[in-house]
Amino acid sequence: MSKDWRINEEIRVREVRLVSDDGEQLGIVSIRDALAIALEKGLDLVEVAPSAQPPVCRLMDYGKFKFEQNKREKEARKKQHIISIKEVKMRPNIEEHDFHVKAKNARKFLSGGDKVKLTIMFRGREITHPELGEKLSLKFVNELSDISNVEKLPKVEGRNMVTVLIPKLDNDKKEDA
């Protein structure tokens, strides 16, 4: 809602529908009269609905309005949580310890609220045995099943097998307990 409003002399129409600062309809008046009323009350004339016939203008303290609007937008941005996708890559013939290290990192990402994309990379003739990659993906999913759900099941894309995990919601954790 961060659009620029036309105020006072920037409004270039003959007549406007005027709304007072307390929301009362003052009717259709000429732009000159509306500006005079705004000047008399020490307020700004702000065009709030330019596409209406005639355009709707409101009497308000424009500086205060912009300040409060910026404050609301800042508060909304503060409450936003951006979920990013973290990628964990491994090969189909990974050693047990390395697998647990990768799973531990993925657990850290999931507990931080991020999605985890598991990519199993096949090289050379390894691609002829996709069942090994699928078995490894399912082992990974089972390892992290207490804190995650599967968003995308294992699927071969080119020379990679991709699985996507998402963190469990708080209410899912309460149901398990």
C-alpha atoms as a PDB file:
ATOM      1  CA  MET A   1       0.000   0.000   0.000  1.00  0.00           C
ATOM      2  CA  SER A   2       3.004   2.247  -0.433  1.00  0.00           C
ATOM      3  CA  LYS A   3       1.638   4.308  -3.289  1.00  0.00           C
ATOM      4  CA  ASP A   4       2.218   7.995  -3.727  1.00  0.00           C
ATOM      5  CA  TRP A   5      -0.852  10.081  -3.095  1.00  0.00           C
ATOM      6  CA  ARG A   6      -1.544  13.365  -4.858  1.00  0.00           C
ATOM      7  CA  ILE A   7      -1.900  16.169  -2.337  1.00  0.00           C
ATOM      8  CA  ASN A   8      -3.040  19.800  -2.351  1.00  0.00           C
ATOM      9  CA  GLU A   9      -2.009  21.584  -5.592  1.00  0.00           C
ATOM     10  CA  GLU A  10      -1.005  18.311  -7.310  1.00  0.00           C
ATOM     11  CA  ILE A  11      -4.701  17.414  -7.685  1.00  0.00           C
ATOM     12  CA  ARG A  12      -5.697  18.508 -11.213  1.00  0.00           C
ATOM     13  CA  VAL A  13      -9.492  18.114 -11.439  1.00  0.00           C
ATOM     14  CA  ARG A  14     -12.345  20.609 -11.293  1.00  0.00           C
ATOM     15  CA  GLU A  15     -14.529  18.967  -8.649  1.00  0.00           C
ATOM     16  CA  VAL A  16     -13.905  16.456  -5.880  1.00  0.00           C
ATOM     17  CA  ARG A  17     -16.027  14.513  -3.417  1.00  0.00           C
ATOM     18  CA  LEU A  18     -14.748  15.810  -0.085  1.00  0.00           C
ATOM     19  CA  VAL A  19     -14.497  13.746   3.107  1.00  0.00           C
ATOM     20  CA  SER A  20     -13.610  15.515   6.361  1.00  0.00           C
ATOM     21  CA  ASP A  21     -10.843  14.389   8.728  1.00  0.00           C
ATOM     22  CA  ASP A  22     -13.380  12.607  10.966  1.00  0.00           C
ATOM     23  CA  GLY A  23     -14.923  10.672   8.022  1.00  0.00           C
ATOM     24  CA  GLU A  24     -17.962  12.895   7.451  1.00  0.00           C
ATOM     25  CA  GLN A  25     -19.100  13.379   3.827  1.00  0.00           C
ATOM     26  CA  LEU A  26     -18.974  17.075   2.862  1.00  0.00           C
ATOM     27  CA  GLY A  27     -20.322  16.511  -0.665  1.00  0.00           C
ATOM     28  CA  ILE A  28     -19.030  17.496  -4.105  1.00  0.00           C
ATOM     29  CA  VAL A  29     -17.115  20.789  -4.064  1.00  0.00           C
ATOM     30  CA  SER A  30     -14.780  22.605  -6.426  1.00  0.00           C
ATOM     31  CA  ILE A  31     -11.064  21.972  -5.941  1.00  0.00           C
ATOM     32  CA  ARG A  32     -10.516  25.646  -5.013  1.00  0.00           C
ATOM     33  CA  ASP A  33     -13.105  25.439  -2.189  1.00  0.00           C
ATOM     34  CA  ALA A  34     -11.677  22.107  -0.980  1.00  0.00           C
ATOM     35  CA  LEU A  35      -8.162  23.596  -0.810  1.00  0.00           C
ATOM     36  CA  ALA A  36      -9.547  26.621   1.065  1.00  0.00           C
ATOM     37  CA  ILE A  37     -11.249  24.354   3.636  1.00  0.00           C
ATOM     38  CA  ALA A  38      -8.028  22.344   4.051  1.00  0.00           C
ATOM     39  CA  LEU A  39      -5.969  25.526   4.504  1.00  0.00           C
ATOM     40  CA  GLU A  40      -8.487  26.888   7.023  1.00  0.00           C
ATOM     41  CA  LYS A  41      -8.311  23.696   9.120  1.00  0.00           C
ATOM     42  CA  GLY A  42      -4.510  23.442   8.784  1.00  0.00           C
ATOM     43  CA  LEU A  43      -4.737  20.059   7.031  1.00  0.00           C
ATOM     44  CA  ASP A  44      -3.780  18.618   3.645  1.00  0.00           C
ATOM     45  CA  LEU A  45      -6.156  17.663   0.853  1.00  0.00           C
ATOM     46  CA  VAL A  46      -5.270  14.099  -0.187  1.00  0.00           C
ATOM     47  CA  GLU A  47      -6.711  12.299  -3.216  1.00  0.00           C
ATOM     48  CA  VAL A  48      -7.626   8.822  -1.890  1.00  0.00           C
ATOM     49  CA  ALA A  49      -9.703   7.480  -4.815  1.00  0.00           C
ATOM     50  CA  PRO A  50      -8.490   9.052  -8.081  1.00  0.00           C
ATOM     51  CA  SER A  51     -10.453   6.657 -10.319  1.00  0.00           C
ATOM     52  CA  ALA A  52     -13.874   7.559  -8.834  1.00  0.00           C
ATOM     53  CA  GLN A  53     -16.197  10.034 -10.561  1.00  0.00           C
ATOM     54  CA  PRO A  54     -15.576  12.655  -9.213  1.00  0.00           C
ATOM     55  CA  PRO A  55     -12.307  11.743  -7.416  1.00  0.00           C
ATOM     56  CA  VAL A  56     -12.563  11.344  -3.640  1.00  0.00           C
ATOM     57  CA  CYS A  57     -10.352  13.605  -1.523  1.00  0.00           C
ATOM     58  CA  ARG A  58      -9.891  13.567   2.218  1.00  0.00           C
ATOM     59  CA  LEU A  59      -8.768  16.198   4.693  1.00  0.00           C
ATOM     60  CA  MET A  60      -5.896  14.832   6.785  1.00  0.00           C
ATOM     61  CA  ASP A  61      -2.477  15.565   8.215  1.00  0.00           C
ATOM     62  CA  TYR A  62      -0.450  14.009   5.397  1.00  0.00           C
ATOM     63  CA  GLY A  63       2.852  13.874   7.311  1.00  0.00           C
ATOM     64  CA  LYS A  64       1.261  12.008  10.203  1.00  0.00           C
ATOM     65  CA  PHE A  65      -0.536   9.688   7.763  1.00  0.00           C
ATOM     66  CA  LYS A  66       2.714   8.780   5.937  1.00  0.00           C
ATOM     67  CA  PHE A  67       4.511   8.227   9.264  1.00  0.00           C
ATOM     68  CA  GLU A  68       1.821   5.829  10.533  1.00  0.00           C
ATOM     69  CA  GLN A  69       1.699   4.032   7.195  1.00  0.00           C
ATOM     70  CA  ASN A  70       5.486   3.496   7.207  1.00  0.00           C
ATOM     71  CA  LYS A  71       5.284   2.296  10.803  1.00  0.00           C
ATOM     72  CA  ARG A  72       2.609  -0.287   9.866  1.00  0.00           C
ATOM     73  CA  GLU A  73       4.647  -1.525   6.880  1.00  0.00           C
ATOM     74  CA  LYS A  74       7.776  -1.830   9.035  1.00  0.00           C
ATOM     75  CA  GLU A  75       5.832  -3.836  11.633  1.00  0.00           C
ATOM     76  CA  ALA A  76       4.468  -6.143   8.903  1.00  0.00           C
ATOM     77  CA  ARG A  77       7.999  -6.737   7.556  1.00  0.00           C
ATOM     78  CA  LYS A  78       9.197  -7.545  11.062  1.00  0.00           C
ATOM     79  CA  LYS A  79       6.583 -10.281  11.454  1.00  0.00           C
ATOM     80  CA  GLN A  80       7.444 -11.877   8.104  1.00  0.00           C
ATOM     81  CA  HIS A  81       9.446 -15.085   8.194  1.00  0.00           C
ATOM     82  CA  ILE A  82      11.338 -15.935   5.043  1.00  0.00           C
ATOM     83  CA  ILE A  83      11.777 -19.657   4.508  1.00  0.00           C
ATOM     84  CA  SER A  84      14.860 -20.521   2.529  1.00  0.00           C
ATOM     85  CA  ILE A  85      15.838 -23.845   1.013  1.00  0.00           C
ATOM     86  CA  LYS A  86      19.063 -25.388   2.277  1.00  0.00           C
ATOM     87  CA  GLU A  87      20.615 -28.100   0.155  1.00  0.00           C
ATOM     88  CA  VAL A  88      22.332 -31.254   1.386  1.00  0.00           C
ATOM     89  CA  LYS A  89      24.252 -33.170  -1.276  1.00  0.00           C
ATOM     90  CA  MET A  90      25.505 -36.737  -1.083  1.00  0.00           C
ATOM     91  CA  ARG A  91      26.465 -39.678  -3.265  1.00  0.00           C
ATOM     92  CA  PRO A  92      24.695 -43.063  -3.280  1.00  0.00           C
ATOM     93  CA  ASN A  93      27.677 -44.884  -1.732  1.00  0.00           C
ATOM     94  CA  ILE A  94      28.197 -42.527   1.224  1.00  0.00           C
ATOM     95  CA  GLU A  95      29.790 -43.855   4.412  1.00  0.00           C
ATOM     96  CA  GLU A  96      27.693 -44.175   7.586  1.00  0.00           C
ATOM     97  CA  HIS A  97      29.486 -41.449   9.560  1.00  0.00           C
ATOM     98  CA  ASP A  98      29.306 -38.991   6.657  1.00  0.00           C
ATOM     99  CA  PHE A  99      25.599 -39.751   6.325  1.00  0.00           C
ATOM    100  CA  HIS A 100      25.034 -38.921  10.014  1.00  0.00           C
ATOM    101  CA  VAL A 101      26.990 -35.657   9.670  1.00  0.00           C
ATOM    102  CA  LYS A 102      24.788 -34.636   6.719  1.00  0.00           C
ATOM    103  CA  ALA A 103      21.653 -35.639   8.652  1.00  0.00           C
ATOM    104  CA  LYS A 104      22.812 -33.599  11.661  1.00  0.00           C
ATOM    105  CA  ASN A 105      23.287 -30.526   9.438  1.00  0.00           C
ATOM    106  CA  ALA A 106      19.851 -31.050   7.890  1.00  0.00           C
ATOM    107  CA  ARG A 107      18.337 -31.350  11.386  1.00  0.00           C
ATOM    108  CA  LYS A 108      19.915 -27.993  12.283  1.00  0.00           C
ATOM    109  CA  PHE A 109      18.433 -26.401   9.131  1.00  0.00           C
ATOM    110  CA  LEU A 110      14.968 -27.857   9.786  1.00  0.00           C
ATOM    111  CA  SER A 111      14.940 -26.752  13.419  1.00  0.00           C
ATOM    112  CA  GLY A 112      15.858 -23.254  12.168  1.00  0.00           C
ATOM    113  CA  GLY A 113      12.653 -23.246  10.092  1.00  0.00           C
ATOM    114  CA  ASP A 114      14.229 -23.816   6.669  1.00  0.00           C
ATOM    115  CA  LYS A 115      13.304 -26.371   4.027  1.00  0.00           C
ATOM    116  CA  VAL A 116      15.927 -29.006   3.176  1.00  0.00           C
ATOM    117  CA  LYS A 117      16.546 -30.223  -0.347  1.00  0.00           C
ATOM    118  CA  LEU A 118      18.359 -33.572  -0.388  1.00  0.00           C
ATOM    119  CA  THR A 119      20.243 -34.106  -3.632  1.00  0.00           C
ATOM    120  CA  ILE A 120      21.801 -37.481  -4.336  1.00  0.00           C
ATOM    121  CA  MET A 121      24.288 -37.101  -7.186  1.00  0.00           C
ATOM    122  CA  PHE A 122      24.945 -40.028  -9.502  1.00  0.00           C
ATOM    123  CA  ARG A 123      28.208 -40.180 -11.448  1.00  0.00           C
ATOM    124  CA  GLY A 124      29.011 -42.408 -14.377  1.00  0.00           C
ATOM    125  CA  ARG A 125      27.195 -45.736 -14.260  1.00  0.00           C
ATOM    126  CA  GLU A 126      25.716 -45.134 -10.799  1.00  0.00           C
ATOM    127  CA  ILE A 127      22.590 -43.803 -12.531  1.00  0.00           C
ATOM    128  CA  THR A 128      21.740 -47.372 -13.627  1.00  0.00           C
ATOM    129  CA  HIS A 129      20.923 -48.130  -9.959  1.00  0.00           C
ATOM    130  CA  PRO A 130      18.432 -45.439  -8.900  1.00  0.00           C
ATOM    131  CA  GLU A 131      17.066 -47.825  -6.246  1.00  0.00           C
ATOM    132  CA  LEU A 132      20.256 -47.199  -4.214  1.00  0.00           C
ATOM    133  CA  GLY A 133      19.541 -43.466  -4.224  1.00  0.00           C
ATOM    134  CA  GLU A 134      15.904 -44.047  -3.320  1.00  0.00           C
ATOM    135  CA  LYS A 135      16.908 -46.316  -0.440  1.00  0.00           C
ATOM    136  CA  LEU A 136      19.330 -43.641   0.813  1.00  0.00           C
ATOM    137  CA  SER A 137      16.649 -40.928   0.482  1.00  0.00           C
ATOM    138  CA  LEU A 138      14.160 -42.958   2.493  1.00  0.00           C
ATOM    139  CA  LYS A 139      16.824 -43.626   5.156  1.00  0.00           C
ATOM    140  CA  PHE A 140      17.441 -39.859   5.337  1.00  0.00           C
ATOM    141  CA  VAL A 141      13.697 -39.150   5.601  1.00  0.00           C
ATOM    142  CA  ASN A 142      13.322 -41.735   8.400  1.00  0.00           C
ATOM    143  CA  GLU A 143      16.318 -40.235  10.239  1.00  0.00           C
ATOM    144  CA  LEU A 144      14.601 -36.824  10.272  1.00  0.00           C
ATOM    145  CA  SER A 145      10.952 -37.945  10.500  1.00  0.00           C
ATOM    146  CA  ASP A 146      10.602 -36.637  14.082  1.00  0.00           C
ATOM    147  CA  ILE A 147      11.089 -32.980  13.013  1.00  0.00           C
ATOM    148  CA  SER A 148      10.138 -32.978   9.316  1.00  0.00           C
ATOM    149  CA  ASN A 149       7.557 -33.948   6.720  1.00  0.00           C
ATOM    150  CA  VAL A 150       8.234 -34.904   3.111  1.00  0.00           C
ATOM    151  CA  GLU A 151       7.153 -32.186   0.693  1.00  0.00           C
ATOM    152  CA  LYS A 152       8.487 -33.909  -2.418  1.00  0.00           C
ATOM    153  CA  LEU A 153       9.186 -37.633  -2.662  1.00  0.00           C
ATOM    154  CA  PRO A 154      12.470 -38.859  -4.196  1.00  0.00           C
ATOM    155  CA  LYS A 155      12.481 -38.198  -7.935  1.00  0.00           C
ATOM    156  CA  VAL A 156      15.241 -38.531 -10.523  1.00  0.00           C
ATOM    157  CA  GLU A 157      15.995 -35.261 -12.321  1.00  0.00           C
ATOM    158  CA  GLY A 158      18.785 -35.759 -14.823  1.00  0.00           C
ATOM    159  CA  ARG A 159      21.745 -37.268 -12.958  1.00  0.00           C
ATOM    160  CA  ASN A 160      20.391 -36.290  -9.530  1.00  0.00           C
ATOM    161  CA  MET A 161      17.692 -37.614  -7.243  1.00  0.00           C
ATOM    162  CA  VAL A 162      15.915 -34.850  -5.334  1.00  0.00           C
ATOM    163  CA  THR A 163      13.836 -35.038  -2.136  1.00  0.00           C
ATOM    164  CA  VAL A 164      12.454 -31.976  -0.304  1.00  0.00           C
ATOM    165  CA  LEU A 165      11.716 -31.940   3.442  1.00  0.00           C
ATOM    166  CA  ILE A 166       9.825 -29.254   5.333  1.00  0.00           C
ATOM    167  CA  PRO A 167       9.871 -28.632   9.091  1.00  0.00           C
ATOM    168  CA  LYS A 168       6.917 -29.923  11.091  1.00  0.00           C
ATOM    169  CA  LEU A 169       4.563 -27.267  12.440  1.00  0.00           C
ATOM    170  CA  ASP A 170       4.271 -26.677  16.204  1.00  0.00           C
ATOM    171  CA  ASN A 171       0.809 -28.275  16.370  1.00  0.00           C
ATOM    172  CA  ASP A 172       2.200 -31.424  14.666  1.00  0.00           C
ATOM    173  CA  LYS A 173       4.808 -31.687  17.454  1.00  0.00           C
ATOM    174  CA  LYS A 174       2.113 -31.370  20.163  1.00  0.00           C
ATOM    175  CA  GLU A 175       0.057 -34.178  18.586  1.00  0.00           C
ATOM    176  CA  ASP A 176       3.078 -36.511  18.653  1.00  0.00           C
ATOM    177  CA  ALA A 177       3.698 -35.899  22.376  1.00  0.00           C
END
